[in-house]
């Protein structure tokens, strides 16, 4: 359906009753406000967004997308932490030229909040706009080869070309220690695929769980000091009239509030959809922005 109202984001539990499209965020920032995740607040775009809204299950939205007019850009928001990669692949087959920004909405339980209310996904198709992305973590050290134990689990790692494997958790701890990063945190240091898509990792015994699907056995170790994240994030949101999607994990590294440019809204999600190498991909610890007319109130 055409989008009749404002694009809206809200902190968990503070949904905007009149929102035609949007979702829950882990705090947000505008030109003159830095809003904490626990504040019962919303941020709405100041004018109707000229697009088409689809919402429902993955299957239902794909059926509707097959009948929808071609779009240039879009915003996709997920309610759950599974099924995203298969959905994005299917979207790419239906509309190969569609460039998306978005991610998994913030949640306190197992499900985030969407507008329109939907069990799995909401999609806003836009006729115009420009999507850009960046990685605030820098490649450090050797290429890494991974042995997986499932689509989102790393069992073992080794430097590329070496013969000996190490348990994934042990190998990552060693990489962090050599780089001077805290060994018990997962935001300042992570692994990324060769395209620069980060994986937000967590410990599962001797293995590592990934917040995104592991699509390559070739990985790159990336690091960033909190002050570097602060500077790079601030630079990225200093473009006016943009929606900036950032990772809630990166938000935890910010020592000071962000000050976006006039008309720009920054939201923090639990995993991000960004375009890389001509495909819309789900990653972690990433930044993306969509520039279009209007600005948040």
Protein backbone atom coordinates (compact mmCIF):
# COMPACT_ATOMS: atom_id res chain seq x y z
CA UNK A 1 0.00 0.00 0.00
CA UNK A 2 1.18 3.61 -0.48
CA UNK A 3 2.79 5.01 2.65
CA UNK A 4 0.25 7.56 4.00
CA UNK A 5 2.10 8.73 7.09
CA UNK A 6 5.47 9.34 8.62
CA UNK A 7 8.37 6.97 8.77
CA UNK A 8 8.77 6.38 12.51
CA UNK A 9 11.23 4.73 14.91
CA UNK A 10 10.65 4.28 18.62
CA UNK A 11 12.33 2.80 21.66
CA UNK A 12 11.09 -0.66 22.62
CA UNK A 13 7.61 -0.46 24.14
CA UNK A 14 6.93 3.08 22.88
CA UNK A 15 5.37 2.34 19.51
CA UNK A 16 3.82 5.22 17.58
CA UNK A 17 0.11 4.43 17.09
CA UNK A 18 -0.10 6.22 13.71
CA UNK A 19 3.13 4.92 12.20
CA UNK A 20 2.66 3.58 8.68
CA UNK A 21 6.17 2.17 8.59
CA UNK A 22 8.94 1.82 11.15
CA UNK A 23 10.27 -0.22 14.02
CA UNK A 24 11.83 -0.35 17.45
CA UNK A 25 15.34 1.01 18.03
CA UNK A 26 17.90 0.84 20.86
CA UNK A 27 17.94 4.61 21.37
CA UNK A 28 18.31 7.25 18.67
CA UNK A 29 19.89 10.59 17.84
CA UNK A 30 18.72 13.70 16.00
CA UNK A 31 20.39 17.06 15.42
CA UNK A 32 19.39 18.33 18.86
CA UNK A 33 18.73 15.16 20.92
CA UNK A 34 20.54 12.04 22.12
CA UNK A 35 17.81 9.69 23.36
CA UNK A 36 18.63 6.75 25.62
CA UNK A 37 17.10 3.30 24.92
CA UNK A 38 15.05 3.35 28.14
CA UNK A 39 13.32 6.65 27.31
CA UNK A 40 9.72 6.25 26.14
CA UNK A 41 10.29 8.25 22.98
CA UNK A 42 9.73 8.18 19.23
CA UNK A 43 11.17 10.01 16.23
CA UNK A 44 9.00 10.55 13.13
CA UNK A 45 9.91 11.89 9.71
CA UNK A 46 8.34 15.30 9.19
CA UNK A 47 6.56 14.52 5.90
CA UNK A 48 4.92 11.51 4.25
CA UNK A 49 7.40 9.18 2.58
CA UNK A 50 6.42 8.52 -1.05
CA UNK A 51 6.73 4.77 -1.10
CA UNK A 52 4.95 1.43 -0.92
CA UNK A 53 4.68 -0.53 2.35
CA UNK A 54 4.64 -4.33 2.52
CA UNK A 55 4.44 -6.26 5.77
CA UNK A 56 3.77 -9.77 7.04
CA UNK A 57 5.51 -13.11 6.86
CA UNK A 58 8.55 -13.63 4.65
CA UNK A 59 6.46 -15.64 2.18
CA UNK A 60 3.62 -13.13 2.11
CA UNK A 61 5.88 -10.12 1.57
CA UNK A 62 7.75 -11.89 -1.23
CA UNK A 63 4.44 -12.70 -2.92
CA UNK A 64 3.45 -9.02 -2.71
CA UNK A 65 6.88 -7.90 -3.89
CA UNK A 66 6.53 -10.03 -7.02
CA UNK A 67 3.54 -7.86 -7.98
CA UNK A 68 4.99 -4.52 -6.82
CA UNK A 69 6.47 -1.90 -9.17
CA UNK A 70 10.25 -1.73 -9.43
CA UNK A 71 11.86 0.42 -6.74
CA UNK A 72 15.29 2.05 -6.51
CA UNK A 73 15.85 1.83 -2.76
CA UNK A 74 14.05 0.60 0.31
CA UNK A 75 14.09 0.08 4.05
CA UNK A 76 13.69 -3.44 5.43
CA UNK A 77 13.06 -4.20 9.11
CA UNK A 78 13.00 -7.66 10.67
CA UNK A 79 11.15 -8.73 13.80
CA UNK A 80 13.20 -11.87 14.45
CA UNK A 81 16.84 -12.91 14.37
CA UNK A 82 16.47 -15.66 11.76
CA UNK A 83 15.53 -16.08 8.12
CA UNK A 84 16.94 -12.72 7.03
CA UNK A 85 19.56 -14.01 4.62
CA UNK A 86 17.16 -16.24 2.68
CA UNK A 87 14.66 -13.39 2.47
CA UNK A 88 17.27 -10.94 1.14
CA UNK A 89 18.40 -13.46 -1.47
CA UNK A 90 14.81 -13.88 -2.65
CA UNK A 91 14.32 -10.09 -2.79
CA UNK A 92 17.42 -9.84 -4.99
CA UNK A 93 15.96 -12.33 -7.45
CA UNK A 94 12.64 -10.44 -7.65
CA UNK A 95 14.12 -6.94 -7.88
CA UNK A 96 17.84 -7.14 -8.77
CA UNK A 97 18.27 -3.35 -8.84
CA UNK A 98 16.77 -2.72 -5.38
CA UNK A 99 19.24 -1.40 -2.79
CA UNK A 100 18.18 -1.83 0.83
CA UNK A 101 19.03 -0.36 4.22
CA UNK A 102 17.69 -1.66 7.52
CA UNK A 103 18.18 -4.48 9.97
CA UNK A 104 16.73 -6.40 12.88
CA UNK A 105 14.66 -4.20 15.18
CA UNK A 106 15.59 -3.79 18.83
CA UNK A 107 13.87 -6.21 21.18
CA UNK A 108 13.68 -7.17 24.85
CA UNK A 109 12.45 -10.71 24.20
CA UNK A 110 12.65 -12.75 21.02
CA UNK A 111 10.69 -10.40 18.77
CA UNK A 112 11.14 -6.76 17.79
CA UNK A 113 8.35 -4.29 17.02
CA UNK A 114 7.27 -3.36 13.49
CA UNK A 115 4.86 -1.01 11.77
CA UNK A 116 2.72 -2.15 10.16
CA UNK A 117 2.49 -4.92 12.79
CA UNK A 118 4.01 -8.01 11.24
CA UNK A 119 5.34 -11.34 12.52
CA UNK A 120 8.54 -11.33 10.46
CA UNK A 121 9.27 -8.38 8.17
CA UNK A 122 8.19 -4.93 7.01
CA UNK A 123 9.49 -3.46 3.75
CA UNK A 124 9.23 0.11 2.46
CA UNK A 125 9.88 0.46 -1.29
CA UNK A 126 11.09 3.88 -2.43
CA UNK A 127 11.31 5.34 -5.96
CA UNK A 128 14.50 7.29 -5.21
CA UNK A 129 17.29 7.72 -2.71
CA UNK A 130 20.94 6.76 -2.24
CA UNK A 131 22.19 4.04 0.11
CA UNK A 132 25.77 4.16 1.37
CA UNK A 133 27.65 2.03 3.88
CA UNK A 134 30.90 1.98 5.80
CA UNK A 135 32.85 -0.25 8.15
CA UNK A 136 34.36 1.59 11.12
CA UNK A 137 36.66 -1.33 12.00
CA UNK A 138 40.04 -1.61 10.25
CA UNK A 139 41.64 -4.82 8.86
CA UNK A 140 44.41 -5.98 11.20
CA UNK A 141 46.74 -8.97 11.00
CA UNK A 142 46.73 -12.01 8.68
CA UNK A 143 43.92 -13.52 6.67
CA UNK A 144 42.05 -16.15 8.66
CA UNK A 145 40.62 -19.47 7.53
CA UNK A 146 37.54 -20.72 9.35
CA UNK A 147 36.07 -24.16 9.93
CA UNK A 148 32.32 -23.88 10.50
CA UNK A 149 29.96 -26.01 12.58
CA UNK A 150 26.77 -24.55 11.12
CA UNK A 151 25.66 -21.47 9.18
CA UNK A 152 26.30 -19.18 12.17
CA UNK A 153 28.98 -21.02 14.14
CA UNK A 154 32.77 -21.02 13.91
CA UNK A 155 34.41 -24.18 15.25
CA UNK A 156 38.09 -23.51 14.53
CA UNK A 157 40.39 -20.88 13.05
CA UNK A 158 43.91 -20.74 11.64
CA UNK A 159 46.06 -18.21 9.84
CA UNK A 160 45.67 -18.65 6.09
CA UNK A 161 48.21 -21.19 4.80
CA UNK A 162 49.04 -22.69 8.20
CA UNK A 163 48.35 -26.33 8.98
CA UNK A 164 47.33 -26.23 12.65
CA UNK A 165 43.78 -25.35 13.69
CA UNK A 166 42.89 -23.72 17.01
CA UNK A 167 39.50 -23.77 18.71
CA UNK A 168 37.73 -20.64 17.49
CA UNK A 169 37.40 -18.99 20.90
CA UNK A 170 41.05 -19.58 21.76
CA UNK A 171 42.24 -18.26 18.38
CA UNK A 172 40.14 -15.09 18.65
CA UNK A 173 41.39 -14.40 22.18
CA UNK A 174 44.98 -14.66 20.88
CA UNK A 175 44.24 -12.26 17.99
CA UNK A 176 42.69 -9.75 20.37
CA UNK A 177 45.57 -9.97 22.82
CA UNK A 178 48.16 -9.37 20.09
CA UNK A 179 46.20 -6.32 18.91
CA UNK A 180 45.78 -4.84 22.39
CA UNK A 181 41.99 -5.26 22.35
CA UNK A 182 39.96 -6.34 25.40
CA UNK A 183 39.70 -10.12 25.19
CA UNK A 184 36.29 -10.23 26.88
CA UNK A 185 34.53 -7.77 24.54
CA UNK A 186 33.24 -8.31 21.01
CA UNK A 187 32.69 -4.81 19.66
CA UNK A 188 36.27 -3.45 19.31
CA UNK A 189 37.48 -6.58 17.49
CA UNK A 190 35.72 -9.06 15.23
CA UNK A 191 36.00 -11.14 12.08
CA UNK A 192 34.68 -10.01 8.71
CA UNK A 193 34.31 -11.61 5.30
CA UNK A 194 36.46 -10.41 2.36
CA UNK A 195 33.72 -7.95 1.31
CA UNK A 196 34.01 -6.13 4.65
CA UNK A 197 30.83 -7.46 6.28
CA UNK A 198 31.41 -7.84 10.01
CA UNK A 199 30.26 -10.75 12.17
CA UNK A 200 29.29 -9.96 15.77
CA UNK A 201 30.67 -12.94 17.69
CA UNK A 202 29.83 -14.49 21.05
CA UNK A 203 31.30 -17.43 22.95
CA UNK A 204 29.66 -20.84 22.83
CA UNK A 205 32.03 -23.17 24.69
CA UNK A 206 35.19 -23.43 22.57
CA UNK A 207 33.28 -22.22 19.52
CA UNK A 208 31.99 -18.82 18.42
CA UNK A 209 28.44 -17.95 17.43
CA UNK A 210 27.93 -15.30 14.79
CA UNK A 211 25.09 -12.77 14.67
CA UNK A 212 25.04 -13.15 10.87
CA UNK A 213 25.37 -16.08 8.52
CA UNK A 214 28.98 -17.06 7.76
CA UNK A 215 29.18 -17.10 3.95
CA UNK A 216 32.95 -17.44 3.50
CA UNK A 217 35.67 -19.56 5.11
CA UNK A 218 38.10 -16.74 4.37
CA UNK A 219 37.85 -14.08 7.08
CA UNK A 220 39.65 -10.89 8.07
CA UNK A 221 40.39 -9.75 11.62
CA UNK A 222 39.19 -6.14 12.15
CA UNK A 223 39.68 -3.81 15.11
CA UNK A 224 38.88 -0.27 16.20
CA UNK A 225 39.53 1.73 19.34
CA UNK A 226 36.44 3.37 20.88
CA UNK A 227 37.78 6.84 19.96
CA UNK A 228 38.09 5.72 16.32
CA UNK A 229 34.51 4.45 16.35
CA UNK A 230 33.35 7.78 17.81
CA UNK A 231 35.11 9.81 15.10
CA UNK A 232 34.08 7.62 12.18
CA UNK A 233 30.46 7.31 13.34
CA UNK A 234 30.21 11.09 13.81
CA UNK A 235 31.60 11.71 10.33
CA UNK A 236 29.17 9.25 8.79
CA UNK A 237 26.09 10.91 10.32
CA UNK A 238 27.23 14.44 9.43
CA UNK A 239 25.29 14.33 6.14
CA UNK A 240 21.95 16.23 6.24
CA UNK A 241 18.53 14.68 5.59
CA UNK A 242 19.51 11.04 5.97
CA UNK A 243 18.42 7.96 7.86
CA UNK A 244 21.51 6.38 9.44
CA UNK A 245 21.33 2.79 10.70
CA UNK A 246 24.02 1.75 13.16
CA UNK A 247 24.68 -1.29 15.27
CA UNK A 248 23.61 -1.23 18.91
CA UNK A 249 26.97 -2.85 19.66
CA UNK A 250 28.80 0.16 18.24
CA UNK A 251 26.59 2.44 20.34
CA UNK A 252 28.07 0.81 23.44
CA UNK A 253 31.52 2.12 22.44
CA UNK A 254 30.48 5.76 22.15
CA UNK A 255 31.84 7.89 24.98
CA UNK A 256 29.86 10.96 23.89
CA UNK A 257 26.48 11.56 22.25
CA UNK A 258 26.46 11.76 18.47
CA UNK A 259 25.47 15.04 16.86
CA UNK A 260 23.92 14.22 13.48
CA UNK A 261 23.54 16.84 10.78
CA UNK A 262 20.29 18.79 10.53
CA UNK A 263 17.47 16.58 9.32
CA UNK A 264 19.33 13.32 9.98
CA UNK A 265 18.07 10.54 12.24
CA UNK A 266 20.38 7.85 13.66
CA UNK A 267 18.83 4.58 14.89
CA UNK A 268 20.50 1.55 16.47
CA UNK A 269 19.47 -1.96 15.42
CA UNK A 270 20.43 -5.53 16.32
CA UNK A 271 22.15 -6.34 13.02
CA UNK A 272 22.19 -4.29 9.85
CA UNK A 273 21.21 -4.72 6.20
CA UNK A 274 23.74 -3.04 3.92
CA UNK A 275 24.57 -3.30 0.20
CA UNK A 276 27.92 -4.91 -0.64
CA UNK A 277 29.16 -6.06 -4.06
CA UNK A 278 25.73 -5.56 -5.62
CA UNK A 279 23.84 -7.58 -3.02
CA UNK A 280 21.85 -6.68 0.08
CA UNK A 281 23.52 -8.46 3.00
CA UNK A 282 22.86 -8.90 6.70
CA UNK A 283 25.84 -8.07 8.89
CA UNK A 284 26.84 -6.74 12.29
CA UNK A 285 28.79 -3.76 13.66
CA UNK A 286 28.11 -1.85 10.42
CA UNK A 287 26.86 1.62 9.44
CA UNK A 288 24.53 2.46 6.57
CA UNK A 289 22.62 5.56 5.49
CA UNK A 290 19.81 6.43 3.13
CA UNK A 291 19.61 9.98 1.85
CA UNK A 292 16.19 11.26 0.87
CA UNK A 293 14.02 14.36 1.34
CA UNK A 294 12.38 15.21 4.65
CA UNK A 295 13.77 15.12 8.16
CA UNK A 296 12.79 13.78 11.59
CA UNK A 297 10.74 15.81 14.06
